[in-house]
All heavy atoms as atom14 arrays in JSON, in Angstrom:
{
  "sequence": "WEISEGFSAYKYVGQQINGVEVLRCPLYVPAKPSTFKRIAHLASFACS",
  "atom14_mask": [
    [1, 1, 1, 1, 1, 1, 1, 1, 1, 1, 1, 1, 1, 1],
    [1, 1, 1, 1, 1, 1, 1, 1, 1, 0, 0, 0, 0, 0],
    [1, 1, 1, 1, 1, 1, 1, 1, 0, 0, 0, 0, 0, 0],
    [1, 1, 1, 1, 1, 1, 0, 0, 0, 0, 0, 0, 0, 0],
    [1, 1, 1, 1, 1, 1, 1, 1, 1, 0, 0, 0, 0, 0],
    [1, 1, 1, 1, 0, 0, 0, 0, 0, 0, 0, 0, 0, 0],
    [1, 1, 1, 1, 1, 1, 1, 1, 1, 1, 1, 0, 0, 0],
    [1, 1, 1, 1, 1, 1, 0, 0, 0, 0, 0, 0, 0, 0],
    [1, 1, 1, 1, 1, 0, 0, 0, 0, 0, 0, 0, 0, 0],
    [1, 1, 1, 1, 1, 1, 1, 1, 1, 1, 1, 1, 0, 0],
    [1, 1, 1, 1, 1, 1, 1, 1, 1, 0, 0, 0, 0, 0],
    [1, 1, 1, 1, 1, 1, 1, 1, 1, 1, 1, 1, 0, 0],
    [1, 1, 1, 1, 1, 1, 1, 0, 0, 0, 0, 0, 0, 0],
    [1, 1, 1, 1, 0, 0, 0, 0, 0, 0, 0, 0, 0, 0],
    [1, 1, 1, 1, 1, 1, 1, 1, 1, 0, 0, 0, 0, 0],
    [1, 1, 1, 1, 1, 1, 1, 1, 1, 0, 0, 0, 0, 0],
    [1, 1, 1, 1, 1, 1, 1, 1, 0, 0, 0, 0, 0, 0],
    [1, 1, 1, 1, 1, 1, 1, 1, 0, 0, 0, 0, 0, 0],
    [1, 1, 1, 1, 0, 0, 0, 0, 0, 0, 0, 0, 0, 0],
    [1, 1, 1, 1, 1, 1, 1, 0, 0, 0, 0, 0, 0, 0],
    [1, 1, 1, 1, 1, 1, 1, 1, 1, 0, 0, 0, 0, 0],
    [1, 1, 1, 1, 1, 1, 1, 0, 0, 0, 0, 0, 0, 0],
    [1, 1, 1, 1, 1, 1, 1, 1, 0, 0, 0, 0, 0, 0],
    [1, 1, 1, 1, 1, 1, 1, 1, 1, 1, 1, 0, 0, 0],
    [1, 1, 1, 1, 1, 1, 0, 0, 0, 0, 0, 0, 0, 0],
    [1, 1, 1, 1, 1, 1, 1, 0, 0, 0, 0, 0, 0, 0],
    [1, 1, 1, 1, 1, 1, 1, 1, 0, 0, 0, 0, 0, 0],
    [1, 1, 1, 1, 1, 1, 1, 1, 1, 1, 1, 1, 0, 0],
    [1, 1, 1, 1, 1, 1, 1, 0, 0, 0, 0, 0, 0, 0],
    [1, 1, 1, 1, 1, 1, 1, 0, 0, 0, 0, 0, 0, 0],
    [1, 1, 1, 1, 1, 0, 0, 0, 0, 0, 0, 0, 0, 0],
    [1, 1, 1, 1, 1, 1, 1, 1, 1, 0, 0, 0, 0, 0],
    [1, 1, 1, 1, 1, 1, 1, 0, 0, 0, 0, 0, 0, 0],
    [1, 1, 1, 1, 1, 1, 0, 0, 0, 0, 0, 0, 0, 0],
    [1, 1, 1, 1, 1, 1, 1, 0, 0, 0, 0, 0, 0, 0],
    [1, 1, 1, 1, 1, 1, 1, 1, 1, 1, 1, 0, 0, 0],
    [1, 1, 1, 1, 1, 1, 1, 1, 1, 0, 0, 0, 0, 0],
    [1, 1, 1, 1, 1, 1, 1, 1, 1, 1, 1, 0, 0, 0],
    [1, 1, 1, 1, 1, 1, 1, 1, 0, 0, 0, 0, 0, 0],
    [1, 1, 1, 1, 1, 0, 0, 0, 0, 0, 0, 0, 0, 0],
    [1, 1, 1, 1, 1, 1, 1, 1, 1, 1, 0, 0, 0, 0],
    [1, 1, 1, 1, 1, 1, 1, 1, 0, 0, 0, 0, 0, 0],
    [1, 1, 1, 1, 1, 0, 0, 0, 0, 0, 0, 0, 0, 0],
    [1, 1, 1, 1, 1, 1, 0, 0, 0, 0, 0, 0, 0, 0],
    [1, 1, 1, 1, 1, 1, 1, 1, 1, 1, 1, 0, 0, 0],
    [1, 1, 1, 1, 1, 0, 0, 0, 0, 0, 0, 0, 0, 0],
    [1, 1, 1, 1, 1, 1, 0, 0, 0, 0, 0, 0, 0, 0],
    [1, 1, 1, 1, 1, 1, 0, 0, 0, 0, 0, 0, 0, 0]
  ],
  "atom14_positions": [
    [[-13.52, 137.53, 228.25], [-12.39, 136.92, 228.91], [-11.21, 136.72, 227.95], [-10.58, 135.67, 227.88], [-12.78, 135.6, 229.59], [-13.52, 135.84, 230.86], [-14.86, 135.96, 231.01], [-12.96, 136.05, 232.17], [-15.18, 136.25, 232.32], [-14.04, 136.29, 233.06], [-11.65, 136.05, 232.68], [-13.84, 136.54, 234.43], [-11.47, 136.29, 234.03], [-12.55, 136.53, 234.89]],
    [[-10.94, 137.78, 227.21], [-9.73, 137.87, 226.39], [-9.42, 139.34, 226.17], [-10.33, 140.17, 226.07], [-9.87, 137.14, 225.06], [-10.97, 137.68, 224.15], [-11.07, 136.92, 222.85], [-10.41, 135.86, 222.71], [-11.79, 137.38, 221.94], [0.0, 0.0, 0.0], [0.0, 0.0, 0.0], [0.0, 0.0, 0.0], [0.0, 0.0, 0.0], [0.0, 0.0, 0.0]],
    [[-8.15, 139.67, 226.13], [-7.73, 141.06, 225.96], [-8.21, 141.56, 224.61], [-8.0, 140.91, 223.58], [-6.21, 141.22, 226.07], [-5.71, 140.71, 227.44], [-5.79, 142.66, 225.85], [-6.21, 141.5, 228.62], [0.0, 0.0, 0.0], [0.0, 0.0, 0.0], [0.0, 0.0, 0.0], [0.0, 0.0, 0.0], [0.0, 0.0, 0.0], [0.0, 0.0, 0.0]],
    [[-8.86, 142.7, 224.6], [-9.39, 143.25, 223.35], [-8.26, 143.6, 222.38], [-7.14, 143.95, 222.79], [-10.21, 144.51, 223.64], [-11.32, 144.21, 224.46], [0.0, 0.0, 0.0], [0.0, 0.0, 0.0], [0.0, 0.0, 0.0], [0.0, 0.0, 0.0], [0.0, 0.0, 0.0], [0.0, 0.0, 0.0], [0.0, 0.0, 0.0], [0.0, 0.0, 0.0]],
    [[-8.57, 143.5, 221.11], [-7.6, 143.81, 220.06], [-7.1, 145.24, 220.21], [-7.86, 146.17, 220.46], [-8.24, 143.62, 218.69], [-7.28, 143.77, 217.53], [-7.92, 143.49, 216.19], [-9.11, 143.07, 216.17], [-7.24, 143.67, 215.16], [0.0, 0.0, 0.0], [0.0, 0.0, 0.0], [0.0, 0.0, 0.0], [0.0, 0.0, 0.0], [0.0, 0.0, 0.0]],
    [[-5.78, 145.4, 220.05], [-5.18, 146.73, 220.17], [-4.69, 147.07, 221.56], [-4.11, 148.14, 221.78], [0.0, 0.0, 0.0], [0.0, 0.0, 0.0], [0.0, 0.0, 0.0], [0.0, 0.0, 0.0], [0.0, 0.0, 0.0], [0.0, 0.0, 0.0], [0.0, 0.0, 0.0], [0.0, 0.0, 0.0], [0.0, 0.0, 0.0], [0.0, 0.0, 0.0]],
    [[-4.89, 146.16, 222.53], [-4.44, 146.38, 223.9], [-3.46, 145.28, 224.3], [-3.46, 144.19, 223.73], [-5.64, 146.39, 224.86], [-6.55, 147.58, 224.67], [-7.59, 147.51, 223.75], [-6.37, 148.73, 225.4], [-8.44, 148.59, 223.56], [-7.21, 149.82, 225.22], [-8.25, 149.75, 224.3], [0.0, 0.0, 0.0], [0.0, 0.0, 0.0], [0.0, 0.0, 0.0]],
    [[-2.63, 145.59, 225.29], [-1.6, 144.65, 225.73], [-1.89, 144.15, 227.14], [-2.32, 144.91, 228.01], [-0.22, 145.33, 225.73], [0.75, 144.49, 226.33], [0.0, 0.0, 0.0], [0.0, 0.0, 0.0], [0.0, 0.0, 0.0], [0.0, 0.0, 0.0], [0.0, 0.0, 0.0], [0.0, 0.0, 0.0], [0.0, 0.0, 0.0], [0.0, 0.0, 0.0]],
    [[-1.64, 142.86, 227.35], [-1.79, 142.28, 228.68], [-0.53, 142.43, 229.51], [-0.55, 142.13, 230.71], [-2.14, 140.79, 228.56], [0.0, 0.0, 0.0], [0.0, 0.0, 0.0], [0.0, 0.0, 0.0], [0.0, 0.0, 0.0], [0.0, 0.0, 0.0], [0.0, 0.0, 0.0], [0.0, 0.0, 0.0], [0.0, 0.0, 0.0], [0.0, 0.0, 0.0]],
    [[0.56, 142.93, 228.91], [1.87, 142.88, 229.56], [2.49, 144.25, 229.82], [3.52, 144.33, 230.48], [2.84, 142.06, 228.7], [2.29, 140.72, 228.3], [1.85, 140.5, 227.0], [2.18, 139.69, 229.22], [1.33, 139.26, 226.62], [1.65, 138.46, 228.85], [1.23, 138.25, 227.55], [0.7, 137.04, 227.19], [0.0, 0.0, 0.0], [0.0, 0.0, 0.0]],
    [[1.89, 145.31, 229.32], [2.51, 146.63, 229.4], [1.66, 147.62, 230.19], [0.45, 147.49, 230.29], [2.73, 147.2, 227.99], [3.63, 146.36, 227.09], [3.73, 147.0, 225.71], [4.6, 146.18, 224.78], [4.66, 146.77, 223.41], [0.0, 0.0, 0.0], [0.0, 0.0, 0.0], [0.0, 0.0, 0.0], [0.0, 0.0, 0.0], [0.0, 0.0, 0.0]],
    [[2.35, 148.62, 230.76], [1.66, 149.78, 231.32], [1.45, 150.77, 230.17], [2.4, 151.16, 229.49], [2.5, 150.44, 232.41], [2.61, 149.61, 233.67], [3.63, 148.68, 233.83], [1.69, 149.76, 234.71], [3.73, 147.91, 234.97], [1.79, 149.01, 235.87], [2.81, 148.08, 235.99], [2.9, 147.32, 237.13], [0.0, 0.0, 0.0], [0.0, 0.0, 0.0]],
    [[0.21, 151.14, 229.95], [-0.13, 152.01, 228.82], [-0.99, 153.16, 229.31], [-2.03, 152.94, 229.96], [-0.88, 151.22, 227.71], [-1.28, 152.16, 226.57], [-0.04, 150.07, 227.2], [0.0, 0.0, 0.0], [0.0, 0.0, 0.0], [0.0, 0.0, 0.0], [0.0, 0.0, 0.0], [0.0, 0.0, 0.0], [0.0, 0.0, 0.0], [0.0, 0.0, 0.0]],
    [[-0.57, 154.38, 228.99], [-1.36, 155.56, 229.35], [-2.19, 156.04, 228.17], [-1.78, 155.94, 227.0], [0.0, 0.0, 0.0], [0.0, 0.0, 0.0], [0.0, 0.0, 0.0], [0.0, 0.0, 0.0], [0.0, 0.0, 0.0], [0.0, 0.0, 0.0], [0.0, 0.0, 0.0], [0.0, 0.0, 0.0], [0.0, 0.0, 0.0], [0.0, 0.0, 0.0]],
    [[-3.4, 156.53, 228.46], [-4.31, 157.02, 227.44], [-5.04, 158.26, 227.96], [-5.16, 158.47, 229.17], [-5.38, 155.98, 227.09], [-4.89, 154.72, 226.43], [-6.07, 153.78, 226.18], [-6.63, 153.22, 227.12], [-6.47, 153.64, 224.92], [0.0, 0.0, 0.0], [0.0, 0.0, 0.0], [0.0, 0.0, 0.0], [0.0, 0.0, 0.0], [0.0, 0.0, 0.0]],
    [[-5.53, 159.06, 227.02], [-6.48, 160.12, 227.32], [-7.8, 159.74, 226.66], [-7.86, 159.57, 225.45], [-6.0, 161.47, 226.78], [-4.92, 162.15, 227.62], [-5.49, 162.82, 228.87], [-6.69, 163.07, 228.96], [-4.62, 163.1, 229.83], [0.0, 0.0, 0.0], [0.0, 0.0, 0.0], [0.0, 0.0, 0.0], [0.0, 0.0, 0.0], [0.0, 0.0, 0.0]],
    [[-8.85, 159.58, 227.46], [-10.15, 159.19, 226.93], [-11.19, 160.18, 227.43], [-11.52, 160.21, 228.61], [-10.55, 157.76, 227.36], [-9.48, 156.75, 226.97], [-11.89, 157.38, 226.75], [-9.77, 155.33, 227.44], [0.0, 0.0, 0.0], [0.0, 0.0, 0.0], [0.0, 0.0, 0.0], [0.0, 0.0, 0.0], [0.0, 0.0, 0.0], [0.0, 0.0, 0.0]],
    [[-11.67, 161.02, 226.52], [-12.73, 161.99, 226.85], [-12.41, 162.8, 228.1], [-13.25, 162.98, 228.99], [-14.07, 161.27, 227.03], [-14.53, 160.59, 225.75], [-14.27, 161.08, 224.65], [-15.23, 159.47, 225.88], [0.0, 0.0, 0.0], [0.0, 0.0, 0.0], [0.0, 0.0, 0.0], [0.0, 0.0, 0.0], [0.0, 0.0, 0.0], [0.0, 0.0, 0.0]],
    [[-11.18, 163.3, 228.16], [-10.79, 164.16, 229.27], [-10.29, 163.44, 230.5], [-9.93, 164.08, 231.49], [0.0, 0.0, 0.0], [0.0, 0.0, 0.0], [0.0, 0.0, 0.0], [0.0, 0.0, 0.0], [0.0, 0.0, 0.0], [0.0, 0.0, 0.0], [0.0, 0.0, 0.0], [0.0, 0.0, 0.0], [0.0, 0.0, 0.0], [0.0, 0.0, 0.0]],
    [[-10.27, 162.11, 230.46], [-9.83, 161.31, 231.6], [-8.46, 160.72, 231.3], [-8.27, 160.1, 230.25], [-10.83, 160.19, 231.91], [-10.37, 159.38, 233.12], [-12.23, 160.75, 232.16], [0.0, 0.0, 0.0], [0.0, 0.0, 0.0], [0.0, 0.0, 0.0], [0.0, 0.0, 0.0], [0.0, 0.0, 0.0], [0.0, 0.0, 0.0], [0.0, 0.0, 0.0]],
    [[-7.51, 160.88, 232.24], [-6.19, 160.28, 232.08], [-6.25, 158.85, 232.62], [-6.49, 158.64, 233.8], [-5.15, 161.1, 232.84], [-3.72, 160.63, 232.61], [-2.68, 161.5, 233.29], [-2.94, 162.72, 233.4], [-1.64, 160.96, 233.71], [0.0, 0.0, 0.0], [0.0, 0.0, 0.0], [0.0, 0.0, 0.0], [0.0, 0.0, 0.0], [0.0, 0.0, 0.0]],
    [[-6.03, 157.88, 231.73], [-6.19, 156.47, 232.07], [-4.83, 155.77, 232.0], [-4.1, 155.9, 231.02], [-7.18, 155.78, 231.1], [-7.31, 154.3, 231.44], [-8.54, 156.47, 231.16], [0.0, 0.0, 0.0], [0.0, 0.0, 0.0], [0.0, 0.0, 0.0], [0.0, 0.0, 0.0], [0.0, 0.0, 0.0], [0.0, 0.0, 0.0], [0.0, 0.0, 0.0]],
    [[-4.5, 155.03, 233.06], [-3.31, 154.19, 233.06], [-3.75, 152.74, 233.16], [-4.4, 152.34, 234.12], [-2.39, 154.53, 234.24], [-1.14, 153.65, 234.37], [-0.24, 153.78, 233.12], [-0.35, 153.99, 235.64], [0.0, 0.0, 0.0], [0.0, 0.0, 0.0], [0.0, 0.0, 0.0], [0.0, 0.0, 0.0], [0.0, 0.0, 0.0], [0.0, 0.0, 0.0]],
    [[-3.4, 151.95, 232.14], [-3.75, 150.52, 232.12], [-2.55, 149.7, 232.57], [-1.43, 149.91, 232.1], [-4.21, 150.1, 230.72], [-5.44, 150.86, 230.25], [-6.02, 150.28, 228.97], [-7.09, 151.1, 228.44], [-8.38, 150.98, 228.8], [-8.73, 150.07, 229.69], [-9.3, 151.75, 228.26], [0.0, 0.0, 0.0], [0.0, 0.0, 0.0], [0.0, 0.0, 0.0]],
    [[-2.83, 148.74, 233.46], [-1.79, 147.92, 234.07], [-1.86, 146.49, 233.54], [-2.93, 146.02, 233.15], [-1.96, 147.92, 235.58], [-1.96, 149.57, 236.33], [0.0, 0.0, 0.0], [0.0, 0.0, 0.0], [0.0, 0.0, 0.0], [0.0, 0.0, 0.0], [0.0, 0.0, 0.0], [0.0, 0.0, 0.0], [0.0, 0.0, 0.0], [0.0, 0.0, 0.0]],
    [[-0.74, 145.78, 233.55], [-0.73, 144.38, 233.08], [-1.75, 143.52, 233.81], [-2.06, 143.75, 234.99], [0.7, 143.93, 233.37], [1.51, 145.19, 233.3], [0.62, 146.25, 233.89], [0.0, 0.0, 0.0], [0.0, 0.0, 0.0], [0.0, 0.0, 0.0], [0.0, 0.0, 0.0], [0.0, 0.0, 0.0], [0.0, 0.0, 0.0], [0.0, 0.0, 0.0]],
    [[-2.25, 142.5, 233.1], [-3.32, 141.67, 233.65], [-3.24, 140.26, 233.08], [-3.09, 140.08, 231.87], [-4.68, 142.28, 233.28], [-5.92, 141.56, 233.79], [-6.04, 141.68, 235.31], [-7.18, 142.1, 233.11], [0.0, 0.0, 0.0], [0.0, 0.0, 0.0], [0.0, 0.0, 0.0], [0.0, 0.0, 0.0], [0.0, 0.0, 0.0], [0.0, 0.0, 0.0]],
    [[-3.39, 139.28, 233.96], [-3.52, 137.88, 233.53], [-5.01, 137.61, 233.31], [-5.84, 137.82, 234.2], [-2.97, 136.95, 234.6], [-3.44, 135.51, 234.47], [-3.09, 134.74, 233.36], [-4.26, 134.94, 235.45], [-3.53, 133.43, 233.24], [-4.7, 133.63, 235.34], [-4.33, 132.87, 234.23], [-4.78, 131.58, 234.11], [0.0, 0.0, 0.0], [0.0, 0.0, 0.0]],
    [[-5.35, 137.11, 232.12], [-6.73, 136.79, 231.79], [-6.8, 135.33, 231.36], [-6.3, 134.97, 230.29], [-7.28, 137.7, 230.67], [-8.72, 137.32, 230.35], [-7.2, 139.17, 231.08], [0.0, 0.0, 0.0], [0.0, 0.0, 0.0], [0.0, 0.0, 0.0], [0.0, 0.0, 0.0], [0.0, 0.0, 0.0], [0.0, 0.0, 0.0], [0.0, 0.0, 0.0]],
    [[-7.42, 134.46, 232.18], [-7.51, 133.05, 231.8], [-8.54, 132.85, 230.69], [-9.61, 133.46, 230.7], [-7.96, 132.37, 233.09], [-8.7, 133.44, 233.84], [-8.02, 134.74, 233.49], [0.0, 0.0, 0.0], [0.0, 0.0, 0.0], [0.0, 0.0, 0.0], [0.0, 0.0, 0.0], [0.0, 0.0, 0.0], [0.0, 0.0, 0.0], [0.0, 0.0, 0.0]],
    [[-8.21, 131.99, 229.77], [-9.14, 131.69, 228.68], [-10.37, 130.95, 229.19], [-11.48, 131.16, 228.71], [-8.44, 130.89, 227.59], [0.0, 0.0, 0.0], [0.0, 0.0, 0.0], [0.0, 0.0, 0.0], [0.0, 0.0, 0.0], [0.0, 0.0, 0.0], [0.0, 0.0, 0.0], [0.0, 0.0, 0.0], [0.0, 0.0, 0.0], [0.0, 0.0, 0.0]],
    [[-10.17, 130.07, 230.19], [-11.27, 129.32, 230.78], [-11.21, 129.53, 232.3], [-10.52, 128.81, 233.01], [-11.16, 127.83, 230.44], [-11.32, 127.55, 228.94], [-11.26, 126.05, 228.67], [-11.45, 125.76, 227.17], [-11.39, 124.3, 226.88], [0.0, 0.0, 0.0], [0.0, 0.0, 0.0], [0.0, 0.0, 0.0], [0.0, 0.0, 0.0], [0.0, 0.0, 0.0]],
    [[-11.93, 130.54, 232.79], [-11.84, 130.88, 234.21], [-12.31, 129.75, 235.12], [-13.36, 129.15, 234.89], [-12.77, 132.1, 234.34], [-12.94, 132.61, 232.96], [-12.84, 131.43, 232.06], [0.0, 0.0, 0.0], [0.0, 0.0, 0.0], [0.0, 0.0, 0.0], [0.0, 0.0, 0.0], [0.0, 0.0, 0.0], [0.0, 0.0, 0.0], [0.0, 0.0, 0.0]],
    [[-11.54, 129.45, 236.13], [-11.91, 128.56, 237.22], [-11.74, 129.37, 238.51], [-11.28, 130.51, 238.47], [-11.01, 127.33, 237.24], [-9.66, 127.72, 237.48], [0.0, 0.0, 0.0], [0.0, 0.0, 0.0], [0.0, 0.0, 0.0], [0.0, 0.0, 0.0], [0.0, 0.0, 0.0], [0.0, 0.0, 0.0], [0.0, 0.0, 0.0], [0.0, 0.0, 0.0]],
    [[-12.08, 128.79, 239.64], [-11.93, 129.53, 240.89], [-10.49, 129.97, 241.1], [-10.21, 131.14, 241.38], [-12.39, 128.67, 242.08], [-13.76, 128.34, 241.91], [-12.21, 129.41, 243.39], [0.0, 0.0, 0.0], [0.0, 0.0, 0.0], [0.0, 0.0, 0.0], [0.0, 0.0, 0.0], [0.0, 0.0, 0.0], [0.0, 0.0, 0.0], [0.0, 0.0, 0.0]],
    [[-9.55, 129.03, 240.96], [-8.14, 129.36, 241.16], [-7.67, 130.39, 240.14], [-6.96, 131.36, 240.48], [-7.28, 128.11, 241.07], [-5.8, 128.39, 241.17], [-5.2, 128.63, 242.39], [-5.01, 128.43, 240.02], [-3.84, 128.91, 242.49], [-3.65, 128.7, 240.1], [-3.06, 128.94, 241.35], [0.0, 0.0, 0.0], [0.0, 0.0, 0.0], [0.0, 0.0, 0.0]],
    [[-8.06, 130.22, 238.88], [-7.61, 131.15, 237.84], [-8.22, 132.53, 238.03], [-7.59, 133.55, 237.71], [-7.96, 130.59, 236.46], [-7.12, 129.39, 236.06], [-7.51, 128.86, 234.69], [-6.65, 127.68, 234.29], [-7.03, 127.14, 232.96], [0.0, 0.0, 0.0], [0.0, 0.0, 0.0], [0.0, 0.0, 0.0], [0.0, 0.0, 0.0], [0.0, 0.0, 0.0]],
    [[-9.46, 132.6, 238.53], [-10.07, 133.91, 238.81], [-9.3, 134.62, 239.92], [-9.09, 135.84, 239.86], [-11.53, 133.72, 239.23], [-12.47, 133.39, 238.08], [-13.87, 133.1, 238.61], [-14.76, 132.6, 237.59], [-15.54, 133.36, 236.82], [-15.54, 134.67, 236.98], [-16.32, 132.82, 235.91], [0.0, 0.0, 0.0], [0.0, 0.0, 0.0], [0.0, 0.0, 0.0]],
    [[-8.91, 133.88, 240.94], [-8.13, 134.48, 242.02], [-6.8, 134.99, 241.48], [-6.36, 136.1, 241.81], [-7.92, 133.46, 243.15], [-9.26, 133.18, 243.84], [-6.89, 133.96, 244.16], [-9.21, 132.05, 244.86], [0.0, 0.0, 0.0], [0.0, 0.0, 0.0], [0.0, 0.0, 0.0], [0.0, 0.0, 0.0], [0.0, 0.0, 0.0], [0.0, 0.0, 0.0]],
    [[-6.15, 134.19, 240.65], [-4.88, 134.61, 240.04], [-5.08, 135.84, 239.17], [-4.24, 136.75, 239.14], [-4.28, 133.47, 239.23], [0.0, 0.0, 0.0], [0.0, 0.0, 0.0], [0.0, 0.0, 0.0], [0.0, 0.0, 0.0], [0.0, 0.0, 0.0], [0.0, 0.0, 0.0], [0.0, 0.0, 0.0], [0.0, 0.0, 0.0], [0.0, 0.0, 0.0]],
    [[-6.18, 135.88, 238.44], [-6.54, 137.01, 237.6], [-6.64, 138.3, 238.41], [-6.02, 139.32, 238.09], [-7.86, 136.68, 236.9], [-8.63, 137.83, 236.37], [-8.26, 138.53, 235.24], [-9.8, 138.39, 236.8], [-9.15, 139.47, 235.0], [-10.09, 139.42, 235.95], [0.0, 0.0, 0.0], [0.0, 0.0, 0.0], [0.0, 0.0, 0.0], [0.0, 0.0, 0.0]],
    [[-7.4, 138.25, 239.5], [-7.58, 139.44, 240.34], [-6.29, 139.82, 241.05], [-5.96, 141.0, 241.18], [-8.7, 139.18, 241.36], [-10.09, 138.92, 240.78], [-11.07, 138.53, 241.87], [-10.6, 140.15, 240.03], [0.0, 0.0, 0.0], [0.0, 0.0, 0.0], [0.0, 0.0, 0.0], [0.0, 0.0, 0.0], [0.0, 0.0, 0.0], [0.0, 0.0, 0.0]],
    [[-5.55, 138.8, 241.51], [-4.29, 139.08, 242.19], [-3.27, 139.71, 241.25], [-2.48, 140.58, 241.67], [-3.74, 137.78, 242.78], [0.0, 0.0, 0.0], [0.0, 0.0, 0.0], [0.0, 0.0, 0.0], [0.0, 0.0, 0.0], [0.0, 0.0, 0.0], [0.0, 0.0, 0.0], [0.0, 0.0, 0.0], [0.0, 0.0, 0.0], [0.0, 0.0, 0.0]],
    [[-3.29, 139.32, 239.98], [-2.34, 139.9, 239.03], [-2.57, 141.4, 238.88], [-1.61, 142.18, 238.79], [-2.45, 139.2, 237.67], [-3.63, 139.59, 236.97], [0.0, 0.0, 0.0], [0.0, 0.0, 0.0], [0.0, 0.0, 0.0], [0.0, 0.0, 0.0], [0.0, 0.0, 0.0], [0.0, 0.0, 0.0], [0.0, 0.0, 0.0], [0.0, 0.0, 0.0]],
    [[-3.84, 141.81, 238.88], [-4.13, 143.24, 238.78], [-3.75, 143.97, 240.07], [-3.21, 145.07, 240.03], [-5.6, 143.47, 238.47], [-5.98, 144.92, 238.4], [-5.49, 145.72, 237.37], [-6.8, 145.49, 239.36], [-5.83, 147.07, 237.31], [-7.14, 146.84, 239.3], [-6.65, 147.63, 238.27], [0.0, 0.0, 0.0], [0.0, 0.0, 0.0], [0.0, 0.0, 0.0]],
    [[-4.01, 143.34, 241.21], [-3.63, 143.97, 242.48], [-2.13, 144.21, 242.52], [-1.67, 145.27, 242.98], [-4.07, 143.09, 243.65], [0.0, 0.0, 0.0], [0.0, 0.0, 0.0], [0.0, 0.0, 0.0], [0.0, 0.0, 0.0], [0.0, 0.0, 0.0], [0.0, 0.0, 0.0], [0.0, 0.0, 0.0], [0.0, 0.0, 0.0], [0.0, 0.0, 0.0]],
    [[-1.34, 143.26, 242.03], [0.12, 143.41, 242.03], [0.58, 144.46, 241.04], [1.36, 145.36, 241.38], [0.78, 142.07, 241.72], [0.57, 140.82, 243.01], [0.0, 0.0, 0.0], [0.0, 0.0, 0.0], [0.0, 0.0, 0.0], [0.0, 0.0, 0.0], [0.0, 0.0, 0.0], [0.0, 0.0, 0.0], [0.0, 0.0, 0.0], [0.0, 0.0, 0.0]],
    [[0.12, 144.37, 239.79], [0.6, 145.31, 238.77], [0.12, 146.73, 239.05], [0.85, 147.71, 238.83], [0.14, 144.86, 237.38], [-1.26, 144.98, 237.23], [0.0, 0.0, 0.0], [0.0, 0.0, 0.0], [0.0, 0.0, 0.0], [0.0, 0.0, 0.0], [0.0, 0.0, 0.0], [0.0, 0.0, 0.0], [0.0, 0.0, 0.0], [0.0, 0.0, 0.0]]
  ]
}
């Protein structure tokens, strides 16, 4: 429940990984997930 080192929570980033074209989208990740924060977390990905 934290963005891995070397990745951004705020940017659209494209990658090539083992022949797969990957587009990463911004994401809200709560440090201490609660029901409301989990919903916000999932909704942030749906929007971005």
